[in-house]
Amino acid sequence: MLAELRNVTRRFDQPASGAARTVLDDISLLIREKDSIAITGPSGSGKSTLLNILGTLDRPTSGSVLLNGADTGPMSEDDLAALRSGFVGFVFQLHHLLPQLTLLENLMLPTLALRNPANRQSTLDRALSLAGRVGLSGHIHHRPFQLSVGECQRAALVRALINRPKLLLADEPTGSLDAANASMMADLLADLNREQGVALVVATHSPDLADRMERKFRLVSGNLQPVAAL
């Protein structure tokens, strides 16, 4: 077991009404090594919240989140940050590349948190190799404004993989892309799941991307429902 949600509920206070809105309701999910999982559902159903809790960017109102066998509930924010930096990779709908850095510098940015200069050359080699894998070898010295949206999103994918995470969380990674680039990103995610052996959980509205995952779930009214394969 790589990661697990155990009876996770997430509520958000609504000061205007004095009530609390339940976004996730008693959700349990097991994620194994090399899994590929799609989370679908309407806008506002809580897909991003689920990924944020799974990646420890948010905490559940109740229930437990386990990563690599460890209960994250008692961990401090510093401990969670250390766990995330080497265990979890994130890809978001917007690439969030830093405009003042070159593409290569953006790719290397997550490695700064590990503070291990001895690994710098091997990390650089990995960044260049992954950049080549996603067709960005000719752009490593460019800045984000010199790249297309699709190229920036592919760079964000490489950045998420640079620290060799065991778990990759992708939140609407094709949502801002045109059809051709969305299809390319879907191919890359599926291929890298197999090639890199990283477990992949994708929140998406895209049926094409969801169909490339081995397991599919639909999030509706706070409940996570398995989608049977056709």
C-alpha atoms as a PDB file:
ATOM      1  CA  MET A   1       0.000   0.000   0.000  1.00  0.00           C
ATOM      2  CA  LEU A   2       1.478   3.287  -1.153  1.00  0.00           C
ATOM      3  CA  ALA A   3      -1.198   5.689   0.088  1.00  0.00           C
ATOM      4  CA  GLU A   4      -4.568   5.405   1.745  1.00  0.00           C
ATOM      5  CA  LEU A   5      -7.546   7.551   2.667  1.00  0.00           C
ATOM      6  CA  ARG A   6      -9.467   6.109   5.620  1.00  0.00           C
ATOM      7  CA  ASN A   7     -12.981   7.447   6.215  1.00  0.00           C
ATOM      8  CA  VAL A   8     -11.957  10.943   5.175  1.00  0.00           C
ATOM      9  CA  THR A   9     -14.510  13.729   5.582  1.00  0.00           C
ATOM     10  CA  ARG A  10     -13.877  17.366   4.719  1.00  0.00           C
ATOM     11  CA  ARG A  11     -16.242  20.141   5.709  1.00  0.00           C
ATOM     12  CA  PHE A  12     -15.906  23.854   5.060  1.00  0.00           C
ATOM     13  CA  ASP A  13     -17.543  26.458   7.286  1.00  0.00           C
ATOM     14  CA  GLN A  14     -19.886  28.890   5.566  1.00  0.00           C
ATOM     15  CA  PRO A  15     -20.016  32.006   7.780  1.00  0.00           C
ATOM     16  CA  ALA A  16     -22.899  33.568   5.855  1.00  0.00           C
ATOM     17  CA  SER A  17     -25.265  30.709   6.686  1.00  0.00           C
ATOM     18  CA  GLY A  18     -23.628  29.455   9.857  1.00  0.00           C
ATOM     19  CA  ALA A  19     -23.658  25.943   8.392  1.00  0.00           C
ATOM     20  CA  ALA A  20     -20.850  23.694   7.241  1.00  0.00           C
ATOM     21  CA  ARG A  21     -20.671  22.310   3.717  1.00  0.00           C
ATOM     22  CA  THR A  22     -19.562  18.689   3.418  1.00  0.00           C
ATOM     23  CA  VAL A  23     -17.396  18.277   0.321  1.00  0.00           C
ATOM     24  CA  LEU A  24     -15.993  14.807   1.045  1.00  0.00           C
ATOM     25  CA  ASP A  25     -18.107  12.379   3.032  1.00  0.00           C
ATOM     26  CA  ASP A  26     -16.455   9.334   4.641  1.00  0.00           C
ATOM     27  CA  ILE A  27     -14.203   8.515   1.679  1.00  0.00           C
ATOM     28  CA  SER A  28     -11.814   5.559   1.686  1.00  0.00           C
ATOM     29  CA  LEU A  29      -9.331   4.813  -1.085  1.00  0.00           C
ATOM     30  CA  LEU A  30      -6.316   2.517  -1.408  1.00  0.00           C
ATOM     31  CA  ILE A  31      -3.507   3.405  -3.811  1.00  0.00           C
ATOM     32  CA  ARG A  32      -0.948   0.773  -4.694  1.00  0.00           C
ATOM     33  CA  GLU A  33       2.439   1.124  -6.341  1.00  0.00           C
ATOM     34  CA  LYS A  34       2.205   1.882 -10.070  1.00  0.00           C
ATOM     35  CA  ASP A  35      -1.574   2.418  -9.866  1.00  0.00           C
ATOM     36  CA  SER A  36      -3.263   4.755 -12.323  1.00  0.00           C
ATOM     37  CA  ILE A  37      -6.520   6.221 -11.051  1.00  0.00           C
ATOM     38  CA  ALA A  38      -8.944   8.756 -12.530  1.00  0.00           C
ATOM     39  CA  ILE A  39     -11.241  10.847 -10.337  1.00  0.00           C
ATOM     40  CA  THR A  40     -14.104  12.332 -12.340  1.00  0.00           C
ATOM     41  CA  GLY A  41     -17.156  14.333 -11.350  1.00  0.00           C
ATOM     42  CA  PRO A  42     -18.850  17.674 -11.952  1.00  0.00           C
ATOM     43  CA  SER A  43     -17.183  21.009 -11.246  1.00  0.00           C
ATOM     44  CA  GLY A  44     -17.283  21.797  -7.544  1.00  0.00           C
ATOM     45  CA  SER A  45     -17.679  18.165  -6.539  1.00  0.00           C
ATOM     46  CA  GLY A  46     -14.475  18.140  -4.496  1.00  0.00           C
ATOM     47  CA  LYS A  47     -11.941  16.547  -6.846  1.00  0.00           C
ATOM     48  CA  SER A  48      -9.278  19.165  -6.104  1.00  0.00           C
ATOM     49  CA  THR A  49     -10.005  18.942  -2.388  1.00  0.00           C
ATOM     50  CA  LEU A  50      -9.508  15.183  -2.505  1.00  0.00           C
ATOM     51  CA  LEU A  51      -6.125  15.564  -4.236  1.00  0.00           C
ATOM     52  CA  ASN A  52      -5.048  18.299  -1.831  1.00  0.00           C
ATOM     53  CA  ILE A  53      -5.853  16.091   1.151  1.00  0.00           C
ATOM     54  CA  LEU A  54      -4.169  13.079  -0.411  1.00  0.00           C
ATOM     55  CA  GLY A  55      -1.062  15.214  -1.025  1.00  0.00           C
ATOM     56  CA  THR A  56      -1.230  16.729   2.505  1.00  0.00           C
ATOM     57  CA  LEU A  57      -1.734  20.267   1.201  1.00  0.00           C
ATOM     58  CA  ASP A  58      -4.978  20.232   3.201  1.00  0.00           C
ATOM     59  CA  ARG A  59      -6.069  18.256   6.240  1.00  0.00           C
ATOM     60  CA  PRO A  60      -9.337  16.324   6.581  1.00  0.00           C
ATOM     61  CA  THR A  61     -11.992  17.336   9.095  1.00  0.00           C
ATOM     62  CA  SER A  62     -12.016  13.711  10.197  1.00  0.00           C
ATOM     63  CA  GLY A  63     -10.454  10.466   9.042  1.00  0.00           C
ATOM     64  CA  SER A  64      -6.853   9.525   8.276  1.00  0.00           C
ATOM     65  CA  VAL A  65      -4.389   9.993   5.427  1.00  0.00           C
ATOM     66  CA  LEU A  66      -1.528   7.494   5.210  1.00  0.00           C
ATOM     67  CA  LEU A  67       1.479   7.967   2.937  1.00  0.00           C
ATOM     68  CA  ASN A  68       4.132   5.295   2.644  1.00  0.00           C
ATOM     69  CA  GLY A  69       2.584   3.580   5.677  1.00  0.00           C
ATOM     70  CA  ALA A  70       2.806   6.658   7.922  1.00  0.00           C
ATOM     71  CA  ASP A  71      -0.231   8.385   9.429  1.00  0.00           C
ATOM     72  CA  THR A  72       0.129  12.041   8.403  1.00  0.00           C
ATOM     73  CA  GLY A  73      -2.357  13.296  11.006  1.00  0.00           C
ATOM     74  CA  PRO A  74       0.115  13.839  13.875  1.00  0.00           C
ATOM     75  CA  MET A  75       2.842  15.288  11.635  1.00  0.00           C
ATOM     76  CA  SER A  76       3.921  18.909  11.880  1.00  0.00           C
ATOM     77  CA  GLU A  77       3.812  21.176   8.831  1.00  0.00           C
ATOM     78  CA  ASP A  78       7.587  20.890   8.503  1.00  0.00           C
ATOM     79  CA  ASP A  79       7.409  17.094   8.585  1.00  0.00           C
ATOM     80  CA  LEU A  80       4.644  17.112   5.985  1.00  0.00           C
ATOM     81  CA  ALA A  81       6.672  19.393   3.719  1.00  0.00           C
ATOM     82  CA  ALA A  82       9.660  17.051   3.988  1.00  0.00           C
ATOM     83  CA  LEU A  83       7.462  14.054   3.180  1.00  0.00           C
ATOM     84  CA  ARG A  84       5.891  15.782   0.178  1.00  0.00           C
ATOM     85  CA  SER A  85       9.205  16.898  -1.286  1.00  0.00           C
ATOM     86  CA  GLY A  86      10.485  13.365  -1.796  1.00  0.00           C
ATOM     87  CA  PHE A  87       7.314  11.296  -2.015  1.00  0.00           C
ATOM     88  CA  VAL A  88       4.615  13.305  -3.842  1.00  0.00           C
ATOM     89  CA  GLY A  89       4.667  15.169  -7.153  1.00  0.00           C
ATOM     90  CA  PHE A  90       1.982  17.671  -8.194  1.00  0.00           C
ATOM     91  CA  VAL A  91       0.775  18.761 -11.625  1.00  0.00           C
ATOM     92  CA  PHE A  92      -1.902  21.449 -11.749  1.00  0.00           C
ATOM     93  CA  GLN A  93      -4.133  22.803 -14.508  1.00  0.00           C
ATOM     94  CA  LEU A  94      -1.980  25.957 -14.606  1.00  0.00           C
ATOM     95  CA  HIS A  95       1.719  25.207 -14.875  1.00  0.00           C
ATOM     96  CA  HIS A  96       2.931  27.742 -12.241  1.00  0.00           C
ATOM     97  CA  LEU A  97       6.392  28.021 -13.788  1.00  0.00           C
ATOM     98  CA  LEU A  98       8.396  30.935 -12.408  1.00  0.00           C
ATOM     99  CA  PRO A  99       8.762  33.535 -15.201  1.00  0.00           C
ATOM    100  CA  GLN A 100      12.175  34.799 -14.088  1.00  0.00           C
ATOM    101  CA  LEU A 101      13.768  31.320 -14.347  1.00  0.00           C
ATOM    102  CA  THR A 102      14.792  29.355 -17.403  1.00  0.00           C
ATOM    103  CA  LEU A 103      13.004  26.121 -18.175  1.00  0.00           C
ATOM    104  CA  LEU A 104      15.910  24.088 -16.781  1.00  0.00           C
ATOM    105  CA  GLU A 105      15.980  26.162 -13.584  1.00  0.00           C
ATOM    106  CA  ASN A 106      12.238  25.603 -13.180  1.00  0.00           C
ATOM    107  CA  LEU A 107      12.705  21.863 -13.617  1.00  0.00           C
ATOM    108  CA  MET A 108      15.428  21.797 -10.961  1.00  0.00           C
ATOM    109  CA  LEU A 109      13.560  23.982  -8.466  1.00  0.00           C
ATOM    110  CA  PRO A 110      12.021  21.155  -6.351  1.00  0.00           C
ATOM    111  CA  THR A 111      15.474  19.679  -5.757  1.00  0.00           C
ATOM    112  CA  LEU A 112      16.484  22.709  -3.683  1.00  0.00           C
ATOM    113  CA  ALA A 113      14.290  21.498  -0.820  1.00  0.00           C
ATOM    114  CA  LEU A 114      16.302  18.263  -0.567  1.00  0.00           C
ATOM    115  CA  ARG A 115      19.542  20.187   0.031  1.00  0.00           C
ATOM    116  CA  ASN A 116      21.881  17.455  -1.154  1.00  0.00           C
ATOM    117  CA  PRO A 117      24.541  19.001  -3.416  1.00  0.00           C
ATOM    118  CA  ALA A 118      26.137  15.581  -3.964  1.00  0.00           C
ATOM    119  CA  ASN A 119      23.171  14.612  -6.106  1.00  0.00           C
ATOM    120  CA  ARG A 120      23.244  17.749  -8.259  1.00  0.00           C
ATOM    121  CA  GLN A 121      24.834  16.131 -11.317  1.00  0.00           C
ATOM    122  CA  SER A 122      22.542  13.101 -11.270  1.00  0.00           C
ATOM    123  CA  THR A 123      19.536  15.412 -10.824  1.00  0.00           C
ATOM    124  CA  LEU A 124      20.700  17.566 -13.723  1.00  0.00           C
ATOM    125  CA  ASP A 125      21.076  14.440 -15.856  1.00  0.00           C
ATOM    126  CA  ARG A 126      17.567  13.373 -14.895  1.00  0.00           C
ATOM    127  CA  ALA A 127      16.132  16.795 -15.726  1.00  0.00           C
ATOM    128  CA  LEU A 128      17.757  16.739 -19.162  1.00  0.00           C
ATOM    129  CA  SER A 129      16.639  13.166 -19.787  1.00  0.00           C
ATOM    130  CA  LEU A 130      13.029  13.868 -18.832  1.00  0.00           C
ATOM    131  CA  ALA A 131      13.042  17.098 -20.849  1.00  0.00           C
ATOM    132  CA  GLY A 132      14.090  15.049 -23.847  1.00  0.00           C
ATOM    133  CA  ARG A 133      11.386  12.487 -23.118  1.00  0.00           C
ATOM    134  CA  VAL A 134       8.682  15.153 -23.359  1.00  0.00           C
ATOM    135  CA  GLY A 135      10.186  16.962 -26.349  1.00  0.00           C
ATOM    136  CA  LEU A 136      11.702  19.958 -24.555  1.00  0.00           C
ATOM    137  CA  SER A 137      15.431  19.423 -25.103  1.00  0.00           C
ATOM    138  CA  GLY A 138      15.645  22.407 -27.421  1.00  0.00           C
ATOM    139  CA  HIS A 139      13.979  24.761 -24.935  1.00  0.00           C
ATOM    140  CA  ILE A 140      15.861  24.252 -21.661  1.00  0.00           C
ATOM    141  CA  HIS A 141      17.391  27.756 -21.734  1.00  0.00           C
ATOM    142  CA  HIS A 142      14.122  29.466 -22.689  1.00  0.00           C
ATOM    143  CA  ARG A 143      11.932  31.281 -20.213  1.00  0.00           C
ATOM    144  CA  PRO A 144       8.238  30.377 -19.825  1.00  0.00           C
ATOM    145  CA  PHE A 145       7.022  33.328 -21.923  1.00  0.00           C
ATOM    146  CA  GLN A 146       8.965  31.881 -24.860  1.00  0.00           C
ATOM    147  CA  LEU A 147       7.102  28.559 -24.641  1.00  0.00           C
ATOM    148  CA  SER A 148       3.640  27.479 -25.714  1.00  0.00           C
ATOM    149  CA  VAL A 149       1.016  26.556 -23.124  1.00  0.00           C
ATOM    150  CA  GLY A 150       1.459  22.892 -24.002  1.00  0.00           C
ATOM    151  CA  GLU A 151       5.239  23.115 -23.584  1.00  0.00           C
ATOM    152  CA  CYS A 152       4.834  24.803 -20.209  1.00  0.00           C
ATOM    153  CA  GLN A 153       2.477  22.065 -19.065  1.00  0.00           C
ATOM    154  CA  ARG A 154       4.923  19.370 -20.158  1.00  0.00           C
ATOM    155  CA  ALA A 155       7.623  21.208 -18.215  1.00  0.00           C
ATOM    156  CA  ALA A 156       5.378  21.190 -15.145  1.00  0.00           C
ATOM    157  CA  LEU A 157       5.071  17.418 -15.521  1.00  0.00           C
ATOM    158  CA  VAL A 158       8.858  17.010 -15.606  1.00  0.00           C
ATOM    159  CA  ARG A 159       9.204  19.283 -12.577  1.00  0.00           C
ATOM    160  CA  ALA A 160       6.748  17.070 -10.679  1.00  0.00           C
ATOM    161  CA  LEU A 161       8.832  13.989 -11.498  1.00  0.00           C
ATOM    162  CA  ILE A 162      12.283  15.426 -10.810  1.00  0.00           C
ATOM    163  CA  ASN A 163      12.541  14.132  -7.212  1.00  0.00           C
ATOM    164  CA  ARG A 164      11.452  10.626  -8.218  1.00  0.00           C
ATOM    165  CA  PRO A 165       8.132  10.683  -6.342  1.00  0.00           C
ATOM    166  CA  LYS A 166       6.253   7.481  -5.667  1.00  0.00           C
ATOM    167  CA  LEU A 167       2.909   9.268  -6.072  1.00  0.00           C
ATOM    168  CA  LEU A 168       1.972  11.794  -8.771  1.00  0.00           C
ATOM    169  CA  LEU A 169      -1.188  13.879  -8.297  1.00  0.00           C
ATOM    170  CA  ALA A 170      -2.497  15.686 -11.374  1.00  0.00           C
ATOM    171  CA  ASP A 171      -5.365  18.163 -11.056  1.00  0.00           C
ATOM    172  CA  GLU A 172      -7.022  18.827 -14.429  1.00  0.00           C
ATOM    173  CA  PRO A 173      -3.648  18.607 -16.213  1.00  0.00           C
ATOM    174  CA  THR A 174      -5.257  18.881 -19.658  1.00  0.00           C
ATOM    175  CA  GLY A 175      -7.926  21.435 -18.753  1.00  0.00           C
ATOM    176  CA  SER A 176      -6.101  24.457 -20.202  1.00  0.00           C
ATOM    177  CA  LEU A 177      -4.868  22.697 -23.341  1.00  0.00           C
ATOM    178  CA  ASP A 178      -6.261  22.427 -26.857  1.00  0.00           C
ATOM    179  CA  ALA A 179      -7.298  19.006 -28.152  1.00  0.00           C
ATOM    180  CA  ALA A 180      -3.924  18.099 -29.684  1.00  0.00           C
ATOM    181  CA  ASN A 181      -1.900  19.094 -26.612  1.00  0.00           C
ATOM    182  CA  ALA A 182      -4.439  17.483 -24.282  1.00  0.00           C
ATOM    183  CA  SER A 183      -4.072  14.198 -26.139  1.00  0.00           C
ATOM    184  CA  MET A 184      -0.271  14.497 -25.989  1.00  0.00           C
ATOM    185  CA  MET A 185      -0.385  15.165 -22.233  1.00  0.00           C
ATOM    186  CA  ALA A 186      -2.712  12.189 -21.697  1.00  0.00           C
ATOM    187  CA  ASP A 187      -0.278   9.979 -23.610  1.00  0.00           C
ATOM    188  CA  LEU A 188       2.657  11.290 -21.569  1.00  0.00           C
ATOM    189  CA  LEU A 189       0.958  10.704 -18.238  1.00  0.00           C
ATOM    190  CA  ALA A 190       0.009   7.139 -19.155  1.00  0.00           C
ATOM    191  CA  ASP A 191       3.453   6.394 -20.589  1.00  0.00           C
ATOM    192  CA  LEU A 192       5.342   7.872 -17.639  1.00  0.00           C
ATOM    193  CA  ASN A 193       3.147   5.943 -15.218  1.00  0.00           C
ATOM    194  CA  ARG A 194       4.417   2.768 -16.870  1.00  0.00           C
ATOM    195  CA  GLU A 195       7.994   3.862 -17.556  1.00  0.00           C
ATOM    196  CA  GLN A 196       8.761   5.607 -14.261  1.00  0.00           C
ATOM    197  CA  GLY A 197       6.666   3.277 -12.089  1.00  0.00           C
ATOM    198  CA  VAL A 198       5.037   6.216 -10.326  1.00  0.00           C
ATOM    199  CA  ALA A 199       1.476   5.818  -9.031  1.00  0.00           C
ATOM    200  CA  LEU A 200      -0.812   8.323 -10.741  1.00  0.00           C
ATOM    201  CA  VAL A 201      -4.039   9.893  -9.480  1.00  0.00           C
ATOM    202  CA  VAL A 202      -5.693  12.290 -11.932  1.00  0.00           C
ATOM    203  CA  ALA A 203      -8.682  14.546 -11.323  1.00  0.00           C
ATOM    204  CA  THR A 204     -10.205  15.271 -14.710  1.00  0.00           C
ATOM    205  CA  HIS A 205     -13.240  16.198 -16.763  1.00  0.00           C
ATOM    206  CA  SER A 206     -11.652  14.558 -19.814  1.00  0.00           C
ATOM    207  CA  PRO A 207     -13.144  11.162 -20.769  1.00  0.00           C
ATOM    208  CA  ASP A 208     -10.090  10.516 -22.953  1.00  0.00           C
ATOM    209  CA  LEU A 209      -7.663  10.992 -20.067  1.00  0.00           C
ATOM    210  CA  ALA A 210      -9.866   9.047 -17.636  1.00  0.00           C
ATOM    211  CA  ASP A 211     -10.096   6.116 -20.049  1.00  0.00           C
ATOM    212  CA  ARG A 212      -6.298   5.766 -20.034  1.00  0.00           C
ATOM    213  CA  MET A 213      -6.284   5.061 -16.297  1.00  0.00           C
ATOM    214  CA  GLU A 214      -6.639   1.507 -14.955  1.00  0.00           C
ATOM    215  CA  ARG A 215      -9.166   2.449 -12.256  1.00  0.00           C
ATOM    216  CA  LYS A 216     -11.882   5.097 -12.420  1.00  0.00           C
ATOM    217  CA  PHE A 217     -13.980   6.725  -9.711  1.00  0.00           C
ATOM    218  CA  ARG A 218     -16.698   9.363  -9.808  1.00  0.00           C
ATOM    219  CA  LEU A 219     -17.085  11.911  -7.024  1.00  0.00           C
ATOM    220  CA  VAL A 220     -20.722  12.921  -6.550  1.00  0.00           C
ATOM    221  CA  SER A 221     -22.343  14.583  -3.507  1.00  0.00           C
ATOM    222  CA  GLY A 222     -19.242  13.895  -1.442  1.00  0.00           C
ATOM    223  CA  ASN A 223     -19.208  10.189  -2.214  1.00  0.00           C
ATOM    224  CA  LEU A 224     -16.511   8.401  -4.201  1.00  0.00           C
ATOM    225  CA  GLN A 225     -18.071   5.759  -6.434  1.00  0.00           C
ATOM    226  CA  PRO A 226     -16.114   3.202  -8.505  1.00  0.00           C
ATOM    227  CA  VAL A 227     -16.832   3.286 -12.225  1.00  0.00           C
ATOM    228  CA  ALA A 228     -17.069  -0.190 -13.707  1.00  0.00           C
ATOM    229  CA  ALA A 229     -14.970  -0.872 -16.799  1.00  0.00           C
ATOM    230  CA  LEU A 230     -16.947  -1.314 -20.001  1.00  0.00           C
END
